[in-house]
Structures are given as structure tokens and as C-alpha cells.
């Protein structure tokens, strides 16, 4: 499946980044994490390729 169309849950995004859900929500509030895709009244997801981009940016920043 194309990563641009694949969605991951908040729990999966937390696992992928090794960050807590609380910290991811704080980063979202600050505009420092990809925006969520609303899936329903109480459900959100994230575009997998955007989460992977966030991870790549973090890896690149350590070398700067």
C-alpha cells in the first residue's frame, strides 16, 4: 500500500516514534507533529508517510 494513503493510529504513531501519546499530543498542539486526520467523533489517525518524515527529520537533526 502507498504510505501516502496508509493511516496509523495515535498508538501506532507513538510506537513508531518511541514517544508517549501525551507528548505527541503536546507536539501536535505546538504544530511540531503532523496534523491528525479525523476519522470519527472520537477517532483520529495520522498519514504514515508524514510520521515517517517526522522520524527522518529527527534523525537528520542529530547530525546537524
N, C-alpha and C. Protein backbone atom coordinates (compact mmCIF):
# COMPACT_ATOMS: atom_id res chain seq x y z
N UNK A 1 0.85 -1.19 0.00
CA UNK A 1 0.00 0.00 0.00
C UNK A 1 0.88 1.25 0.00
N UNK A 2 0.46 2.26 -0.66
CA UNK A 2 1.16 3.53 -0.73
C UNK A 2 1.13 4.20 0.64
N UNK A 3 2.32 4.57 1.19
CA UNK A 3 2.39 5.20 2.50
C UNK A 3 1.60 6.51 2.56
N UNK A 4 1.40 7.17 1.40
CA UNK A 4 0.64 8.41 1.39
C UNK A 4 -0.83 8.18 1.66
N UNK A 5 -1.28 6.95 1.51
CA UNK A 5 -2.68 6.62 1.73
C UNK A 5 -2.88 5.78 2.98
N UNK A 6 -1.79 5.33 3.59
CA UNK A 6 -1.89 4.47 4.77
C UNK A 6 -1.95 5.34 6.02
N UNK A 7 -2.91 5.03 6.87
CA UNK A 7 -3.08 5.75 8.12
C UNK A 7 -2.65 4.88 9.28
N UNK A 8 -2.16 5.54 10.33
CA UNK A 8 -1.80 4.84 11.56
C UNK A 8 -2.49 5.53 12.73
N UNK A 9 -2.80 4.76 13.74
CA UNK A 9 -3.47 5.29 14.93
C UNK A 9 -2.48 6.10 15.78
N UNK A 10 -3.01 6.81 16.75
CA UNK A 10 -2.16 7.54 17.69
C UNK A 10 -1.25 6.57 18.43
N UNK A 11 -1.79 5.41 18.81
CA UNK A 11 -0.96 4.41 19.49
C UNK A 11 0.19 3.94 18.60
N UNK A 12 -0.11 3.70 17.33
CA UNK A 12 0.93 3.25 16.40
C UNK A 12 1.96 4.36 16.17
N UNK A 13 1.51 5.60 16.04
CA UNK A 13 2.44 6.72 15.88
C UNK A 13 3.35 6.83 17.10
N UNK A 14 2.80 6.59 18.28
CA UNK A 14 3.61 6.61 19.50
C UNK A 14 4.65 5.49 19.46
N UNK A 15 4.25 4.32 19.02
CA UNK A 15 5.20 3.20 18.92
C UNK A 15 6.28 3.50 17.88
N UNK A 16 5.88 4.05 16.75
CA UNK A 16 6.83 4.34 15.68
C UNK A 16 7.88 5.35 16.11
N UNK A 17 7.48 6.33 16.91
CA UNK A 17 8.39 7.41 17.30
C UNK A 17 9.06 7.17 18.65
N UNK A 18 8.61 6.19 19.39
CA UNK A 18 9.07 5.93 20.76
C UNK A 18 8.75 7.09 21.69
N UNK A 19 7.68 7.83 21.38
CA UNK A 19 7.23 8.92 22.22
C UNK A 19 5.87 8.56 22.80
N UNK A 20 5.53 9.15 23.93
CA UNK A 20 4.23 8.87 24.55
C UNK A 20 3.12 9.58 23.78
N UNK A 21 1.92 9.07 23.94
CA UNK A 21 0.75 9.71 23.34
C UNK A 21 0.61 11.14 23.85
N UNK A 22 0.86 11.34 25.14
CA UNK A 22 0.75 12.67 25.73
C UNK A 22 1.73 13.64 25.08
N UNK A 23 2.97 13.18 24.89
CA UNK A 23 3.98 14.05 24.29
C UNK A 23 3.66 14.33 22.82
N UNK A 24 3.17 13.31 22.11
CA UNK A 24 2.77 13.53 20.71
C UNK A 24 1.65 14.57 20.63
N UNK A 25 0.69 14.49 21.54
CA UNK A 25 -0.39 15.47 21.55
C UNK A 25 0.13 16.87 21.85
N UNK A 26 1.12 16.96 22.73
CA UNK A 26 1.74 18.26 23.03
C UNK A 26 2.43 18.80 21.77
N UNK A 27 3.17 17.94 21.07
CA UNK A 27 3.82 18.36 19.83
C UNK A 27 2.79 18.79 18.79
N UNK A 28 1.69 18.07 18.69
CA UNK A 28 0.61 18.44 17.76
C UNK A 28 0.07 19.81 18.10
N UNK A 29 -0.17 20.07 19.38
CA UNK A 29 -0.69 21.37 19.81
C UNK A 29 0.26 22.50 19.44
N UNK A 30 1.56 22.21 19.43
CA UNK A 30 2.59 23.20 19.10
C UNK A 30 2.86 23.27 17.60
N UNK A 31 2.19 22.43 16.82
CA UNK A 31 2.40 22.40 15.37
C UNK A 31 3.72 21.76 14.98
N UNK A 32 4.26 20.90 15.85
CA UNK A 32 5.56 20.28 15.61
C UNK A 32 5.45 18.79 15.26
N UNK A 33 4.23 18.31 15.05
CA UNK A 33 3.99 16.92 14.65
C UNK A 33 2.90 16.97 13.58
N UNK A 34 2.92 16.03 12.65
CA UNK A 34 1.91 16.04 11.58
C UNK A 34 0.48 16.14 12.11
N UNK A 35 -0.32 16.85 11.37
CA UNK A 35 -1.74 17.02 11.75
C UNK A 35 -2.48 15.69 11.66
N UNK A 36 -3.44 15.53 12.55
CA UNK A 36 -4.25 14.32 12.57
C UNK A 36 -5.33 14.38 11.50
N UNK A 37 -5.75 13.20 11.06
CA UNK A 37 -6.87 13.05 10.13
C UNK A 37 -8.06 12.61 10.97
N UNK A 38 -9.12 13.41 11.04
CA UNK A 38 -10.28 12.99 11.82
C UNK A 38 -10.97 11.80 11.15
N UNK A 39 -11.24 10.77 11.93
CA UNK A 39 -11.86 9.56 11.39
C UNK A 39 -13.29 9.37 11.91
N UNK A 40 -13.62 10.08 12.93
CA UNK A 40 -14.95 9.97 13.54
C UNK A 40 -15.00 10.93 14.71
N UNK A 41 -16.06 10.83 15.49
CA UNK A 41 -16.22 11.76 16.61
C UNK A 41 -15.05 11.72 17.58
N UNK A 42 -14.55 10.54 17.87
CA UNK A 42 -13.50 10.40 18.88
C UNK A 42 -12.31 9.60 18.37
N UNK A 43 -12.10 9.62 17.08
CA UNK A 43 -11.03 8.81 16.49
C UNK A 43 -10.23 9.65 15.52
N UNK A 44 -8.90 9.58 15.66
CA UNK A 44 -8.00 10.26 14.74
C UNK A 44 -6.98 9.26 14.23
N UNK A 45 -6.33 9.63 13.15
CA UNK A 45 -5.25 8.81 12.60
C UNK A 45 -4.23 9.78 12.00
N UNK A 46 -3.10 9.24 11.61
CA UNK A 46 -2.04 10.03 11.01
C UNK A 46 -1.61 9.39 9.71
N UNK A 47 -1.19 10.21 8.76
CA UNK A 47 -0.67 9.70 7.50
C UNK A 47 0.71 9.10 7.79
N UNK A 48 0.86 7.82 7.49
CA UNK A 48 2.09 7.11 7.84
C UNK A 48 3.33 7.79 7.26
N UNK A 49 3.26 8.24 6.01
CA UNK A 49 4.44 8.87 5.39
C UNK A 49 4.83 10.15 6.12
N UNK A 50 3.86 10.86 6.67
CA UNK A 50 4.16 12.09 7.42
C UNK A 50 4.83 11.76 8.75
N UNK A 51 4.39 10.69 9.40
CA UNK A 51 5.04 10.26 10.65
C UNK A 51 6.47 9.82 10.35
N UNK A 52 6.64 9.07 9.26
CA UNK A 52 8.00 8.65 8.87
C UNK A 52 8.87 9.85 8.55
N UNK A 53 8.29 10.88 7.93
CA UNK A 53 9.03 12.12 7.66
C UNK A 53 9.46 12.81 8.94
N UNK A 54 8.59 12.82 9.94
CA UNK A 54 8.92 13.38 11.25
C UNK A 54 10.13 12.63 11.84
N UNK A 55 10.10 11.31 11.75
CA UNK A 55 11.20 10.50 12.27
C UNK A 55 12.49 10.80 11.50
N UNK A 56 12.41 10.86 10.18
CA UNK A 56 13.59 11.17 9.35
C UNK A 56 14.17 12.53 9.72
N UNK A 57 13.31 13.51 9.95
CA UNK A 57 13.78 14.85 10.33
C UNK A 57 14.50 14.82 11.67
N UNK A 58 13.98 14.05 12.61
CA UNK A 58 14.64 13.91 13.92
C UNK A 58 16.01 13.26 13.77
N UNK A 59 16.10 12.24 12.94
CA UNK A 59 17.39 11.57 12.71
C UNK A 59 18.38 12.53 12.06
N UNK A 60 17.91 13.29 11.08
CA UNK A 60 18.78 14.24 10.38
C UNK A 60 19.25 15.35 11.32
N UNK A 61 18.40 15.76 12.24
CA UNK A 61 18.74 16.85 13.16
C UNK A 61 19.87 16.48 14.10
N UNK A 62 20.06 15.21 14.39
CA UNK A 62 21.12 14.82 15.31
C UNK A 62 22.49 15.03 14.70
N UNK A 63 22.58 15.04 13.39
CA UNK A 63 23.87 15.22 12.71
C UNK A 63 24.20 16.68 12.50
N UNK A 64 23.23 17.56 12.72
CA UNK A 64 23.43 18.99 12.46
C UNK A 64 24.25 19.66 13.54
